[in-house]
């Protein structure tokens, strides 16, 4: 005999993923052809269908299997039944139908594995030995654990032998984590092999040098150590140089930012100075015009006020000129740096 391995993705039935409206424990008669005809206790689950209908399923705790229920009220199967049938009314209908024995157990909806066995060593090629059907409810409820079961092979409606099935259910998230760990492990092993290869190559070269007696004369080990030390010093100096360059670059960028800020301030000061000059010219023209009027009217007070306004405008203009000179000096100093 030869072991055969199968790996496939499990997709649960869509019915068992529908939301449950309510549950109840009831005695139902088991339909013939599935298990022995008898009355057993089942956990009844009424679910909400995708179209708004009501679906009734029965769960057998002993076999850990789900079954479809037959004989439920006809209005439950209609589209949008939840809008016309309340939960309280549905519970009353379920109790009435189960008491009257009108609801029974139908087809099994628990996932099952159908296994067909062939003999590839037969003289005439693949010989069909039989088929078996095994429930995977126990495997699903024990995630990660291996479960073994001897199944009866059936051929032409009669027992034809036994086959040992080993089954295991694993979550997709666990599979993904294991694959990721394998990738990381391979990368780590490849890195270790590369390091070992380099070390072996270095040892081999050193051995050749020592065997030749030319490249490594007396005191060759000391020269090798000195070379390694010099290399380390060069690497250290290189790192320090990189740090100094980075620091200098930061200083230059900072100075450029300061220069840009000074240029902006200088531009703004020039604009304000231009405005003040225009104001001073207008004030001077106004003062001259009014002065002639005042001279004609001999109004000395008005002349005095106009002189004060002109002097104030000239003073503000002088202050702006001084500020502009200071900004220009600062810009020159930064450019020289």
Protein backbone atom coordinates (compact mmCIF):
# COMPACT_ATOMS: atom_id res chain seq x y z
CA UNK A 1 0.00 0.00 0.00
CA UNK A 2 1.08 3.56 -0.63
CA UNK A 3 0.21 6.70 1.29
CA UNK A 4 -1.54 9.44 -0.68
CA UNK A 5 -1.51 13.04 0.46
CA UNK A 6 -4.11 15.68 -0.41
CA UNK A 7 -4.11 19.36 0.50
CA UNK A 8 -7.14 21.49 -0.38
CA UNK A 9 -8.96 24.60 0.85
CA UNK A 10 -12.14 24.12 2.87
CA UNK A 11 -15.10 26.41 2.17
CA UNK A 12 -17.91 26.07 4.74
CA UNK A 13 -21.50 25.79 3.48
CA UNK A 14 -23.18 29.14 2.96
CA UNK A 15 -26.22 28.07 5.03
CA UNK A 16 -24.21 27.59 8.21
CA UNK A 17 -22.81 31.12 7.84
CA UNK A 18 -26.22 32.80 7.86
CA UNK A 19 -27.15 34.71 11.06
CA UNK A 20 -29.22 32.82 13.63
CA UNK A 21 -32.55 34.36 14.66
CA UNK A 22 -33.37 31.99 17.54
CA UNK A 23 -32.70 28.43 18.74
CA UNK A 24 -34.64 25.70 20.51
CA UNK A 25 -34.20 22.08 21.60
CA UNK A 26 -36.78 19.73 20.12
CA UNK A 27 -37.40 16.05 19.41
CA UNK A 28 -37.45 15.25 15.69
CA UNK A 29 -37.91 12.12 13.70
CA UNK A 30 -34.91 11.18 11.60
CA UNK A 31 -35.62 10.53 7.93
CA UNK A 32 -34.91 7.05 6.65
CA UNK A 33 -31.81 6.45 4.60
CA UNK A 34 -29.46 8.63 6.66
CA UNK A 35 -29.37 7.06 10.11
CA UNK A 36 -31.60 4.65 11.98
CA UNK A 37 -35.22 5.81 12.01
CA UNK A 38 -35.81 7.14 15.50
CA UNK A 39 -36.74 10.22 17.48
CA UNK A 40 -33.77 12.18 18.78
CA UNK A 41 -33.06 15.48 20.45
CA UNK A 42 -31.77 18.18 18.11
CA UNK A 43 -30.77 21.78 18.52
CA UNK A 44 -33.05 23.68 16.14
CA UNK A 45 -31.58 26.86 14.64
CA UNK A 46 -33.74 29.22 12.61
CA UNK A 47 -31.53 31.37 10.39
CA UNK A 48 -32.05 34.45 8.28
CA UNK A 49 -31.73 33.79 4.55
CA UNK A 50 -30.09 36.17 2.12
CA UNK A 51 -33.47 36.95 0.55
CA UNK A 52 -35.16 37.58 3.89
CA UNK A 53 -36.56 34.06 4.17
CA UNK A 54 -36.27 31.83 7.25
CA UNK A 55 -34.14 28.68 7.10
CA UNK A 56 -34.45 25.92 9.69
CA UNK A 57 -31.53 23.57 10.46
CA UNK A 58 -31.06 20.86 13.10
CA UNK A 59 -27.79 20.09 14.91
CA UNK A 60 -27.11 16.62 16.35
CA UNK A 61 -24.66 16.95 19.29
CA UNK A 62 -23.78 13.22 19.27
CA UNK A 63 -22.57 13.14 15.68
CA UNK A 64 -21.64 16.87 15.53
CA UNK A 65 -23.59 17.11 12.27
CA UNK A 66 -26.04 19.65 10.84
CA UNK A 67 -29.16 18.71 8.89
CA UNK A 68 -31.75 20.58 6.91
CA UNK A 69 -35.26 20.50 8.40
CA UNK A 70 -38.23 19.49 6.29
CA UNK A 71 -41.92 20.23 6.87
CA UNK A 72 -41.44 23.81 8.11
CA UNK A 73 -44.24 26.39 7.54
CA UNK A 74 -44.52 27.34 3.88
CA UNK A 75 -44.46 31.06 4.62
CA UNK A 76 -40.92 30.72 6.02
CA UNK A 77 -39.54 29.88 2.58
CA UNK A 78 -41.02 32.99 0.94
CA UNK A 79 -38.81 35.96 0.07
CA UNK A 80 -39.09 38.63 2.76
CA UNK A 81 -40.79 36.25 5.22
CA UNK A 82 -39.18 38.07 8.16
CA UNK A 83 -41.26 41.14 7.40
CA UNK A 84 -44.56 39.26 7.79
CA UNK A 85 -43.55 36.71 10.47
CA UNK A 86 -42.24 38.00 13.80
CA UNK A 87 -39.79 36.07 15.96
CA UNK A 88 -42.49 35.36 18.58
CA UNK A 89 -44.87 34.00 15.96
CA UNK A 90 -42.11 31.87 14.40
CA UNK A 91 -41.29 30.36 17.82
CA UNK A 92 -44.95 29.47 18.35
CA UNK A 93 -45.13 27.88 14.89
CA UNK A 94 -41.98 25.86 15.53
CA UNK A 95 -43.32 24.55 18.85
CA UNK A 96 -46.64 23.63 17.23
CA UNK A 97 -45.09 21.88 14.22
CA UNK A 98 -42.59 19.88 16.30
CA UNK A 99 -45.30 18.82 18.77
CA UNK A 100 -47.46 17.59 15.90
CA UNK A 101 -44.47 15.79 14.35
CA UNK A 102 -44.67 17.76 11.12
CA UNK A 103 -40.99 18.83 11.11
CA UNK A 104 -38.40 16.17 10.34
CA UNK A 105 -34.71 15.81 9.62
CA UNK A 106 -33.64 16.08 6.00
CA UNK A 107 -30.30 15.94 4.21
CA UNK A 108 -27.04 16.36 6.08
CA UNK A 109 -25.31 19.67 5.38
CA UNK A 110 -22.20 19.02 7.47
CA UNK A 111 -19.16 18.88 5.13
CA UNK A 112 -18.11 15.34 4.32
CA UNK A 113 -15.18 13.89 2.42
CA UNK A 114 -15.95 11.50 -0.40
CA UNK A 115 -13.00 9.15 -0.91
CA UNK A 116 -12.57 6.75 -3.83
CA UNK A 117 -9.85 4.09 -3.67
CA UNK A 118 -8.14 2.55 -6.70
CA UNK A 119 -5.51 -0.16 -7.11
CA UNK A 120 -2.85 1.12 -9.49
CA UNK A 121 -0.91 -2.14 -9.35
CA UNK A 122 -3.70 -4.16 -10.95
CA UNK A 123 -2.77 -6.03 -14.15
CA UNK A 124 -5.43 -4.20 -16.19
CA UNK A 125 -4.65 -0.73 -14.85
CA UNK A 126 -6.49 1.25 -12.17
CA UNK A 127 -8.93 -1.07 -10.41
CA UNK A 128 -11.79 0.55 -8.49
CA UNK A 129 -11.86 -0.89 -4.95
CA UNK A 130 -14.64 1.13 -3.36
CA UNK A 131 -15.78 4.45 -2.00
CA UNK A 132 -16.43 5.88 1.46
CA UNK A 133 -17.90 9.05 2.93
CA UNK A 134 -16.53 10.57 6.15
CA UNK A 135 -17.77 13.57 8.15
CA UNK A 136 -15.18 16.22 9.01
CA UNK A 137 -17.11 17.83 11.87
CA UNK A 138 -14.75 16.30 14.45
CA UNK A 139 -11.71 17.57 12.52
CA UNK A 140 -13.15 21.09 12.33
CA UNK A 141 -13.84 21.18 16.06
CA UNK A 142 -10.24 20.10 16.86
CA UNK A 143 -8.22 22.58 14.84
CA UNK A 144 -4.58 21.59 14.35
CA UNK A 145 -4.98 18.03 15.66
CA UNK A 146 -4.55 14.94 13.50
CA UNK A 147 -7.56 12.63 13.51
CA UNK A 148 -7.49 9.04 12.19
CA UNK A 149 -10.50 7.01 11.22
CA UNK A 150 -11.01 3.60 9.62
CA UNK A 151 -13.70 4.00 6.97
CA UNK A 152 -15.65 1.21 5.32
CA UNK A 153 -15.27 0.98 1.56
CA UNK A 154 -18.48 0.25 -0.30
CA UNK A 155 -18.61 -1.23 -3.81
CA UNK A 156 -21.83 -2.16 -5.60
CA UNK A 157 -23.78 -1.57 -2.40
CA UNK A 158 -21.72 -4.04 -0.32
CA UNK A 159 -18.74 -3.63 2.05
CA UNK A 160 -15.46 -4.08 0.17
CA UNK A 161 -12.81 -3.36 2.77
CA UNK A 162 -11.43 -0.64 5.02
CA UNK A 163 -9.19 2.38 4.48
CA UNK A 164 -7.36 4.46 7.09
CA UNK A 165 -7.90 8.21 6.73
CA UNK A 166 -5.76 10.75 8.60
CA UNK A 167 -7.24 14.26 8.55
CA UNK A 168 -6.20 17.61 9.94
CA UNK A 169 -7.78 21.07 9.69
CA UNK A 170 -5.61 24.19 9.86
CA UNK A 171 -6.67 27.82 9.78
CA UNK A 172 -5.48 29.96 6.89
CA UNK A 173 -3.85 32.44 9.27
CA UNK A 174 -1.75 29.63 10.77
CA UNK A 175 -0.71 28.47 7.31
CA UNK A 176 0.32 32.01 6.32
CA UNK A 177 2.37 32.44 9.50
CA UNK A 178 4.14 29.13 8.89
CA UNK A 179 4.95 30.11 5.30
CA UNK A 180 6.34 33.43 6.49
CA UNK A 181 8.47 31.66 9.10
CA UNK A 182 9.81 29.30 6.43
CA UNK A 183 10.78 32.23 4.19
CA UNK A 184 12.56 33.96 7.07
CA UNK A 185 14.30 30.71 8.02
CA UNK A 186 15.51 30.19 4.44
CA UNK A 187 16.81 33.75 4.26
CA UNK A 188 18.63 33.34 7.58
CA UNK A 189 20.17 30.04 6.51
CA UNK A 190 21.28 31.52 3.20
CA UNK A 191 22.97 34.38 5.03
CA UNK A 192 24.74 31.96 7.36
CA UNK A 193 25.91 29.85 4.41
CA UNK A 194 27.25 32.95 2.66
CA UNK A 195 29.14 34.03 5.79
CA UNK A 196 30.57 30.53 6.19
CA UNK A 197 31.60 30.51 2.54
CA UNK A 198 33.45 33.81 2.96
CA UNK A 199 35.18 32.60 6.11
CA UNK A 200 36.27 29.38 4.41
CA UNK A 201 37.58 31.33 1.42
CA UNK A 202 39.53 33.65 3.73
CA UNK A 203 41.01 30.71 5.64
CA UNK A 204 41.96 29.05 2.36
CA UNK A 205 43.74 32.17 1.11
CA UNK A 206 45.59 32.56 4.40
CA UNK A 207 46.61 28.91 4.21
CA UNK A 208 47.98 29.38 0.69
CA UNK A 209 49.92 32.44 1.78
CA UNK A 210 51.41 30.61 4.75
CA UNK A 211 52.28 27.57 2.61
CA UNK A 212 54.03 29.63 -0.09
CA UNK A 213 56.27 31.36 2.47
CA UNK A 214 56.54 34.44 0.25
CA UNK A 215 53.55 36.59 0.95
CA UNK A 216 53.72 35.84 4.64
CA UNK A 217 57.35 35.90 5.82
CA UNK A 218 58.33 35.87 9.44
CA UNK A 219 56.11 38.24 11.28
CA UNK A 220 53.41 37.86 8.61
CA UNK A 221 50.72 37.47 11.25
CA UNK A 222 51.73 40.78 12.78
CA UNK A 223 51.62 42.44 9.37
CA UNK A 224 48.16 40.95 8.77
CA UNK A 225 46.97 42.26 12.12
CA UNK A 226 48.43 45.68 11.34
CA UNK A 227 46.67 45.72 7.97
CA UNK A 228 43.36 44.82 9.63
CA UNK A 229 43.89 47.56 12.22
CA UNK A 230 44.67 50.10 9.48
CA UNK A 231 41.56 49.07 7.62
CA UNK A 232 39.45 49.52 10.75
CA UNK A 233 41.02 52.95 11.30
CA UNK A 234 40.24 53.92 7.71
CA UNK A 235 36.65 52.80 8.13
CA UNK A 236 36.36 54.78 11.36
CA UNK A 237 37.85 57.87 9.72
CA UNK A 238 35.49 57.46 6.79
CA UNK A 239 32.51 57.38 9.13
CA UNK A 240 33.79 60.47 10.93
CA UNK A 241 34.27 62.27 7.61
CA UNK A 242 30.73 61.40 6.60
CA UNK A 243 29.47 62.80 9.90
CA UNK A 244 31.44 66.05 9.41
CA UNK A 245 30.14 66.42 5.84
CA UNK A 246 26.59 65.90 7.03
CA UNK A 247 27.07 68.46 9.79
CA UNK A 248 28.57 71.01 7.38
CA UNK A 249 25.73 70.45 4.94
CA UNK A 250 23.24 71.13 7.72
CA UNK A 251 25.03 74.35 8.63
CA UNK A 252 25.01 75.51 5.00
CA UNK A 253 21.30 74.77 4.68
CA UNK A 254 20.65 76.69 7.90
CA UNK A 255 22.64 79.69 6.64
CA UNK A 256 20.79 79.60 3.33
CA UNK A 257 17.49 79.67 5.20
CA UNK A 258 18.65 82.67 7.25
CA UNK A 259 19.85 84.47 4.10
CA UNK A 260 16.51 83.82 2.43
CA UNK A 261 14.68 85.21 5.49
CA UNK A 262 16.87 88.36 5.45
CA UNK A 263 16.22 88.81 1.73
CA UNK A 264 12.48 88.56 2.32
CA UNK A 265 12.68 91.08 5.15
CA UNK A 266 14.75 93.40 2.96
CA UNK A 267 12.19 93.17 0.17
CA UNK A 268 9.35 93.93 2.57
CA UNK A 269 11.26 96.91 4.02
CA UNK A 270 11.86 98.31 0.52
CA UNK A 271 8.17 98.05 -0.25
CA UNK A 272 7.27 99.85 3.00
CA UNK A 273 9.91 102.50 2.28
CA UNK A 274 8.44 103.12 -1.15
CA UNK A 275 5.01 103.56 0.39
CA UNK A 276 6.36 105.99 2.99
CA UNK A 277 8.13 108.01 0.30
CA UNK A 278 4.91 108.33 -1.65
CA UNK A 279 3.12 109.40 1.52
CA UNK A 280 5.85 111.97 2.27
CA UNK A 281 5.67 113.41 -1.24
CA UNK A 282 1.91 113.67 -1.03
CA UNK A 283 2.15 115.28 2.42
CA UNK A 284 4.76 117.74 1.14
CA UNK A 285 2.62 118.64 -1.88
CA UNK A 286 -0.39 119.03 0.36
CA UNK A 287 1.58 121.15 2.80
CA UNK A 288 2.78 123.44 0.01
CA UNK A 289 -0.73 123.82 -1.38
CA UNK A 290 -2.21 124.51 2.02
CA UNK A 291 0.69 126.80 2.91
CA UNK A 292 -0.18 129.04 -0.02
CA UNK A 293 -3.79 129.05 1.09
CA UNK A 294 -2.80 129.80 4.67
CA UNK A 295 -0.49 132.58 3.54
CA UNK A 296 -3.41 134.10 1.75
CA UNK A 297 -5.63 133.66 4.77
CA UNK A 298 -2.88 134.47 7.34
CA UNK A 299 -3.68 131.31 9.35
CA UNK A 300 -0.53 130.62 11.38
CA UNK A 301 -1.97 127.66 13.35
CA UNK A 302 -2.72 125.70 10.20
CA UNK A 303 0.78 126.29 8.89
CA UNK A 304 2.26 124.98 12.14
CA UNK A 305 0.20 121.74 11.99
CA UNK A 306 1.21 121.10 8.40
CA UNK A 307 4.88 121.55 9.30
CA UNK A 308 4.53 119.02 12.12
CA UNK A 309 2.88 116.47 9.76
CA UNK A 310 5.70 116.92 7.27
CA UNK A 311 8.37 116.52 9.96
CA UNK A 312 6.70 113.32 11.23
CA UNK A 313 6.62 111.81 7.73
CA UNK A 314 10.30 112.70 7.24
CA UNK A 315 11.17 111.12 10.61
CA UNK A 316 9.45 107.81 9.72
CA UNK A 317 11.22 107.81 6.38
CA UNK A 318 14.58 108.29 8.14
CA UNK A 319 13.86 105.34 10.52
CA UNK A 320 13.01 103.03 7.61
CA UNK A 321 16.26 104.03 5.86
CA UNK A 322 18.24 103.08 8.99
CA UNK A 323 16.44 99.69 9.26
CA UNK A 324 17.14 98.97 5.59
CA UNK A 325 20.82 99.73 6.09
CA UNK A 326 20.99 97.26 9.03
CA UNK A 327 19.28 94.48 7.01
CA UNK A 328 21.71 95.03 4.13
CA UNK A 329 24.65 94.73 6.56
CA UNK A 330 23.26 91.45 7.98
CA UNK A 331 22.81 90.00 4.49
CA UNK A 332 26.40 90.89 3.57
CA UNK A 333 27.71 89.20 6.75
CA UNK A 334 25.77 85.98 6.03
CA UNK A 335 26.95 85.89 2.40
CA UNK A 336 30.54 86.25 3.56
CA UNK A 337 30.07 83.28 5.95
